[in-house]
Protein backbone atom coordinates (compact mmCIF):
# COMPACT_ATOMS: atom_id res chain seq x y z
CA MET A 1 138.99 103.10 126.56
CA SER A 2 138.03 106.52 125.14
CA GLN A 3 135.55 106.66 122.32
CA VAL A 4 135.99 109.48 119.82
CA ASN A 5 133.22 110.34 117.37
CA ILE A 6 133.86 112.43 114.28
CA LYS A 7 130.33 113.82 114.05
CA ASP A 8 130.39 117.54 114.88
CA SER A 9 134.15 117.39 115.51
CA VAL A 10 136.89 119.61 114.05
CA ILE A 11 139.64 117.51 112.46
CA PHE A 12 143.08 118.41 111.13
CA ILE A 13 144.52 115.95 108.57
CA THR A 14 148.01 116.11 107.05
CA GLY A 15 148.84 114.72 103.62
CA ALA A 16 145.25 115.35 102.55
CA ASN A 17 145.85 115.79 98.83
CA ARG A 18 145.82 112.09 97.93
CA GLY A 19 145.52 108.49 99.07
CA ILE A 20 144.56 107.77 102.64
CA GLY A 21 144.62 111.44 103.62
CA ARG A 22 142.13 112.47 100.96
CA ALA A 23 139.86 109.55 101.88
CA LEU A 24 140.03 110.52 105.56
CA VAL A 25 138.81 114.01 104.65
CA GLU A 26 135.99 112.72 102.45
CA VAL A 27 134.71 110.14 104.94
CA ALA A 28 134.94 112.62 107.82
CA VAL A 29 132.73 115.09 105.96
CA GLU A 30 130.28 112.33 105.06
CA GLY A 31 130.27 111.29 108.73
CA GLY A 32 129.16 114.73 109.90
CA ALA A 33 132.40 116.41 110.93
CA ALA A 34 131.82 120.09 111.64
CA LYS A 35 135.05 121.11 109.91
CA VAL A 36 138.05 119.40 108.36
CA TYR A 37 141.35 121.16 107.86
CA ALA A 38 142.93 119.51 104.81
CA ALA A 39 146.68 120.09 104.91
CA ALA A 40 149.14 119.62 102.05
CA ARG A 41 152.42 121.10 100.86
CA ASP A 42 150.74 122.33 97.66
CA THR A 43 147.21 123.57 98.31
CA SER A 44 146.49 123.78 94.58
CA LYS A 45 146.23 119.99 94.71
CA LEU A 46 143.36 120.31 97.16
CA THR A 47 141.09 122.31 94.87
CA GLY A 48 138.90 119.42 93.78
CA LEU A 49 138.60 118.09 97.31
CA VAL A 50 137.70 121.48 98.81
CA SER A 51 135.08 122.08 96.10
CA ARG A 52 133.08 119.14 97.46
CA ASP A 53 132.17 121.15 100.58
CA PRO A 54 133.95 124.54 100.77
CA ALA A 55 132.16 125.46 103.98
CA ARG A 56 133.61 122.52 105.88
CA ILE A 57 136.84 121.58 104.08
CA ILE A 58 139.49 124.19 104.77
CA PRO A 59 142.79 124.00 102.85
CA VAL A 60 146.00 124.52 104.83
CA GLU A 61 149.47 124.91 103.37
CA LEU A 62 151.77 122.63 105.36
CA ASP A 63 155.10 120.94 104.90
CA VAL A 64 155.35 118.85 108.08
CA THR A 65 159.12 119.38 108.16
CA ASP A 66 158.79 123.19 108.25
CA GLY A 67 158.51 124.61 111.77
CA GLU A 68 157.19 127.99 110.67
CA GLN A 69 154.45 126.41 108.56
CA ILE A 70 153.48 124.21 111.52
CA ARG A 71 153.15 127.30 113.74
CA ARG A 72 150.98 129.04 111.13
CA ALA A 73 148.80 125.95 110.75
CA VAL A 74 148.18 125.70 114.49
CA LYS A 75 147.20 129.37 114.60
CA GLN A 76 144.82 128.90 111.65
CA ALA A 77 143.29 125.73 113.10
CA ALA A 78 143.05 126.65 116.79
CA ASP A 79 139.64 124.95 117.08
CA THR A 80 141.04 121.50 116.18
CA GLN A 81 139.88 118.60 118.35
CA ILE A 82 141.38 115.68 116.43
CA LEU A 83 144.85 115.75 114.85
CA ILE A 84 145.54 113.03 112.27
CA ASN A 85 149.20 112.77 111.29
CA ASN A 86 148.87 111.05 107.92
CA ALA A 87 151.59 112.61 105.74
CA GLY A 88 154.33 110.11 104.90
CA VAL A 89 157.04 109.18 102.42
CA ALA A 90 158.73 105.92 101.41
CA GLY A 91 162.07 105.58 99.63
CA TYR A 92 162.31 101.77 99.35
CA SER A 93 165.89 101.78 100.61
CA GLY A 94 167.70 98.76 102.01
CA ILE A 95 170.30 98.91 104.77
CA ILE A 96 173.34 97.38 103.04
CA PHE A 97 172.06 96.90 99.51
CA GLN A 98 170.38 99.72 97.54
CA PHE A 99 170.79 102.01 100.55
CA SER A 100 169.94 105.69 100.19
CA GLU A 101 170.91 107.94 103.09
CA GLU A 102 168.92 110.74 101.50
CA ALA A 103 165.78 108.58 101.54
CA ALA A 104 166.43 107.42 105.10
CA ARG A 105 166.81 110.95 106.41
CA ARG A 106 163.76 112.18 104.50
CA GLU A 107 161.66 109.31 105.87
CA LEU A 108 162.67 110.13 109.44
CA GLU A 109 161.98 113.84 108.95
CA VAL A 110 158.49 113.26 107.53
CA ASN A 111 157.38 110.00 109.19
CA TYR A 112 158.80 110.56 112.68
CA PHE A 113 159.79 114.18 113.31
CA GLY A 114 156.71 115.48 111.46
CA PRO A 115 154.20 113.81 113.80
CA LEU A 116 156.40 114.61 116.79
CA HIS A 117 156.52 118.34 116.05
CA LEU A 118 152.83 118.51 115.12
CA ALA A 119 151.75 116.73 118.31
CA ARG A 120 153.85 119.13 120.38
CA ALA A 121 152.53 122.17 118.51
CA PHE A 122 148.87 121.13 118.72
CA PHE A 123 148.99 120.06 122.38
CA PRO A 124 147.91 123.47 123.74
CA VAL A 125 145.10 123.56 121.17
CA LEU A 126 143.81 120.09 122.04
CA SER A 127 144.07 120.44 125.82
CA GLY A 128 140.69 120.79 127.47
CA LYS A 129 138.66 120.14 124.33
CA PRO A 130 136.01 117.38 124.36
CA GLN A 131 136.97 114.18 122.53
CA ALA A 132 140.47 115.47 121.91
CA ALA A 133 142.71 113.01 120.08
CA VAL A 134 145.94 112.52 118.19
CA ALA A 135 146.07 109.76 115.57
CA ASN A 136 149.27 108.69 113.83
CA VAL A 137 149.09 106.77 110.57
CA ILE A 138 151.99 104.34 110.95
CA SER A 139 152.26 100.99 109.09
CA VAL A 140 152.51 97.31 109.93
CA GLY A 141 156.08 97.83 108.69
CA GLY A 142 156.63 99.74 111.91
CA LEU A 143 155.87 96.57 113.86
CA SER A 144 158.12 94.22 111.88
CA THR A 145 160.50 95.41 109.17
CA PHE A 146 159.85 94.94 105.47
CA PRO A 147 163.45 94.69 104.16
CA MET A 148 162.60 96.05 100.69
CA ALA A 149 161.68 99.26 102.54
CA ALA A 150 163.98 98.89 105.51
CA THR A 151 164.65 102.55 106.22
CA TYR A 152 160.95 103.34 105.80
CA SER A 153 160.13 100.58 108.29
CA ALA A 154 162.67 102.04 110.70
CA SER A 155 161.02 105.46 110.48
CA LYS A 156 157.63 103.89 111.10
CA ALA A 157 158.99 101.90 114.05
CA ALA A 158 160.08 105.25 115.45
CA ALA A 159 156.56 106.58 114.82
CA HIS A 160 155.13 103.55 116.65
CA SER A 161 157.36 104.27 119.64
CA LEU A 162 156.43 107.95 119.46
CA THR A 163 152.75 106.99 119.58
CA GLN A 164 153.27 104.90 122.71
CA GLY A 165 155.15 107.76 124.35
CA LEU A 166 152.44 110.27 123.49
CA ARG A 167 149.79 107.92 124.84
CA ALA A 168 151.60 107.63 128.17
CA GLU A 169 152.06 111.39 128.53
CA LEU A 170 148.63 112.52 127.30
CA HIS A 171 146.40 109.94 128.98
CA SER A 172 146.07 112.02 132.15
CA ARG A 173 145.32 115.12 130.03
CA GLY A 174 142.21 113.58 128.48
CA ILE A 175 143.73 113.30 124.99
CA THR A 176 143.31 109.90 123.33
CA VAL A 177 146.19 108.70 121.16
CA PHE A 178 145.52 106.26 118.31
CA GLY A 179 148.04 104.28 116.28
CA ILE A 180 146.86 103.34 112.78
CA TYR A 181 148.52 100.37 111.08
CA PRO A 182 147.75 99.88 107.38
CA GLY A 183 149.02 97.05 105.24
CA PRO A 184 149.24 97.42 101.43
CA ILE A 185 146.89 100.22 100.35
CA ASP A 186 146.06 101.26 96.78
CA THR A 187 147.92 104.58 96.83
CA ASP A 188 150.74 106.19 94.84
CA MET A 189 153.18 105.18 97.58
CA ALA A 190 152.41 101.48 97.04
CA ASP A 191 152.25 101.71 93.25
CA GLY A 192 155.18 99.32 92.75
CA VAL A 193 154.09 96.80 95.39
CA ASP A 194 152.73 93.62 93.79
CA MET A 195 150.20 92.63 96.46
CA GLU A 196 146.45 92.72 96.97
CA LYS A 197 145.66 96.22 98.21
CA GLU A 198 142.85 97.78 100.20
CA SER A 199 141.13 100.94 98.95
CA PRO A 200 141.88 104.22 100.76
CA ARG A 201 138.17 104.75 101.34
CA ASN A 202 137.80 101.45 103.20
CA VAL A 203 140.86 102.36 105.24
CA ALA A 204 139.26 105.66 106.27
CA VAL A 205 136.04 103.90 107.26
CA ARG A 206 137.99 101.45 109.42
CA VAL A 207 139.93 104.30 111.04
CA TYR A 208 136.82 106.17 112.13
CA GLN A 209 135.16 102.95 113.28
CA GLY A 210 138.21 102.39 115.44
CA PHE A 211 137.89 105.90 116.88
CA ALA A 212 134.21 105.32 117.71
CA GLU A 213 135.01 102.00 119.39
CA GLY A 214 137.90 103.48 121.34
CA ARG A 215 140.47 101.06 119.90
CA GLU A 216 143.85 102.68 120.44
CA ASP A 217 145.61 100.39 117.92
CA ILE A 218 143.72 100.26 114.63
CA THR A 219 144.43 97.95 111.69
CA THR A 220 142.80 98.96 108.43
CA ASP A 221 142.68 95.93 106.13
CA LYS A 222 142.77 92.13 105.94
CA PHE A 223 146.53 91.95 105.43
CA ALA A 224 147.17 94.10 108.50
CA ASP A 225 144.68 92.13 110.59
CA GLU A 226 146.42 88.86 109.77
CA PHE A 227 149.90 90.36 110.07
CA VAL A 228 149.26 91.51 113.65
CA VAL A 229 147.82 88.13 114.64
CA ASN A 230 150.81 86.31 113.15
CA LEU A 231 153.18 88.74 114.87
CA ARG A 232 151.62 87.97 118.23
CA ASN A 233 151.75 84.23 117.60
CA ASP A 234 155.33 84.02 116.30
CA ALA A 235 157.21 87.27 115.70
CA LYS A 236 160.37 85.49 114.52
CA ALA A 237 158.41 83.56 111.89
CA VAL A 238 157.06 86.86 110.53
CA GLU A 239 160.59 88.27 110.48
CA ARG A 240 161.87 85.24 108.54
CA ASP A 241 158.97 85.47 106.11
CA ASN A 242 159.65 89.17 105.51
CA ALA A 243 163.34 88.46 104.86
CA GLN A 244 162.56 86.89 101.47
CA PHE A 245 161.81 90.39 100.19
CA ALA A 246 165.20 91.85 101.13
CA HIS A 247 167.26 93.77 98.57
CA GLN A 248 170.18 91.83 97.11
CA SER A 249 173.49 93.10 95.74
């Protein structure tokens, strides 16, 4: 178990302009991070966030599906110790009913290939650094599919598998790999979800607590805590319960 503390660390966070990503930046700065690279496709949306502490919050232009932008970001942020792959998209596509191939492909590009390419690109930067870590923000939907967002769940299941693969390969290199599993969070992505939602700030606090405790698999809210317990107790019961939310013709 490898404990990772954010105090005095240099952190790179994707999808930092809103929701969980923005909260991760804010809480990291409050927790004493030496520097936080806040990455977003449109850096103009980071202006308010950066103004909170311009010396420590560094804006980075980054579309996680753009290889050239990834290379530039790694060059700009060569002192990074902790990479947090937070950027994500959800299209709320079913498989048979209300299926969108465009949404499915976009979800895979952002939610799976994005973290994959960033982890590969940052590996030389992280190697040899103290408390080096990669953290992937996944979803409990990556552990058991939510049919109303079936293609999203599939992309997050791929991200879950990616995280396990990274952990196996990087363990001997001294790089800790965390998987982060939120339930419903009060963000733009979950705007149409009629469920009790956790605040992004509380999610960020739970994430960094998990780092400090060395918990490789981190849940971020009450729903996720209970979901994982139920999944361990009876995975098929969880699957049947989720099925009631499937799209219909």
